[in-house]
Amino acid sequence: MLKVRRFVLGMDEADWLKVRNTVFAVRVDIASMSVEEMRNIEKSPDFDSEGRFIAELDDQPIGIVHAHVDKPISLWNCLLPM
């Protein structure tokens, strides 16, 4: 059975990387990542696990989603001086 669930910080890193590293294995410009490397990234104040999801088929990870929403910015900060 297919299900999509939220990423659980501190528990799902190995499953996340199993899919990520398999997908990116064909890319020479993106290196595989270890669980230790991912946990170091998770320590960053910019890391947000809220938009991460894992797709599973028969309880095996088969896909990942990382949805990121930028923080709103004021249009006044974006205007160029004339």
Protein backbone atom coordinates (compact mmCIF):
# COMPACT_ATOMS: atom_id res chain seq x y z
CA MET A 1 0.00 0.00 0.00
CA LEU A 2 1.27 3.46 -0.93
CA LYS A 3 1.37 6.10 1.78
CA VAL A 4 2.93 9.53 2.14
CA ARG A 5 3.91 10.68 5.59
CA ARG A 6 5.79 13.47 7.27
CA PHE A 7 9.53 13.16 7.77
CA VAL A 8 10.36 12.43 11.42
CA LEU A 9 13.47 14.31 12.52
CA GLY A 10 15.98 12.01 14.21
CA MET A 11 14.36 8.84 12.84
CA ASP A 12 14.00 9.11 9.05
CA GLU A 13 17.42 10.28 7.93
CA ALA A 14 18.51 6.82 6.70
CA ASP A 15 15.28 6.34 4.70
CA TRP A 16 15.52 9.87 3.29
CA LEU A 17 19.10 9.31 2.18
CA LYS A 18 18.37 5.88 0.73
CA VAL A 19 16.05 7.54 -1.77
CA ARG A 20 18.07 10.75 -2.21
CA ASN A 21 21.35 8.99 -2.83
CA THR A 22 19.74 6.55 -5.27
CA VAL A 23 18.14 9.37 -7.27
CA PHE A 24 21.30 11.47 -7.39
CA ALA A 25 23.66 8.56 -8.11
CA VAL A 26 23.52 9.40 -11.82
CA ARG A 27 24.57 13.01 -11.17
CA VAL A 28 28.32 13.56 -11.08
CA ASP A 29 27.82 17.06 -9.66
CA ILE A 30 25.95 15.92 -6.53
CA ALA A 31 27.71 13.72 -4.00
CA SER A 32 25.99 11.08 -1.92
CA MET A 33 25.37 12.07 1.67
CA SER A 34 25.80 10.15 4.91
CA VAL A 35 23.44 10.19 7.89
CA GLU A 36 26.13 12.03 9.86
CA GLU A 37 26.34 14.73 7.18
CA MET A 38 22.57 15.11 7.14
CA ARG A 39 22.42 15.40 10.92
CA ASN A 40 25.02 18.17 10.76
CA ILE A 41 22.83 20.01 8.24
CA GLU A 42 19.83 19.56 10.53
CA LYS A 43 21.69 21.50 13.25
CA SER A 44 21.66 24.64 11.11
CA PRO A 45 19.22 27.35 12.23
CA ASP A 46 18.00 27.49 8.61
CA PHE A 47 17.03 23.80 8.50
CA ASP A 48 13.29 23.16 8.52
CA SER A 49 11.92 19.62 8.40
CA GLU A 50 8.27 20.73 8.21
CA GLY A 51 8.06 20.49 4.43
CA ARG A 52 9.67 17.04 4.17
CA PHE A 53 7.65 13.96 3.31
CA ILE A 54 8.49 10.33 2.58
CA ALA A 55 6.50 8.16 0.18
CA GLU A 56 6.45 4.48 1.12
CA LEU A 57 5.22 1.43 -0.72
CA ASP A 58 4.66 -1.58 1.52
CA ASP A 59 6.62 0.22 4.27
CA GLN A 60 9.68 0.74 2.02
CA PRO A 61 10.78 4.28 1.11
CA ILE A 62 10.32 4.98 -2.61
CA GLY A 63 10.15 8.77 -2.82
CA ILE A 64 10.85 12.02 -1.01
CA VAL A 65 9.43 15.53 -1.17
CA HIS A 66 11.00 18.69 0.16
CA ALA A 67 8.50 21.52 -0.13
CA HIS A 68 9.95 24.88 0.86
CA VAL A 69 8.03 28.11 1.25
CA ASP A 70 10.07 31.27 1.35
CA LYS A 71 9.40 33.64 4.21
CA PRO A 72 7.27 36.59 3.10
CA ILE A 73 9.18 39.74 2.32
CA SER A 74 7.96 43.26 2.10
CA LEU A 75 7.69 44.63 -1.43
CA TRP A 76 9.23 47.82 -0.12
CA ASN A 77 12.47 45.93 0.51
CA CYS A 78 12.52 44.79 -3.12
CA LEU A 79 12.13 48.16 -4.80
CA LEU A 80 15.18 49.54 -6.53
CA PRO A 81 16.09 53.16 -5.90
CA MET A 82 15.27 55.45 -8.79
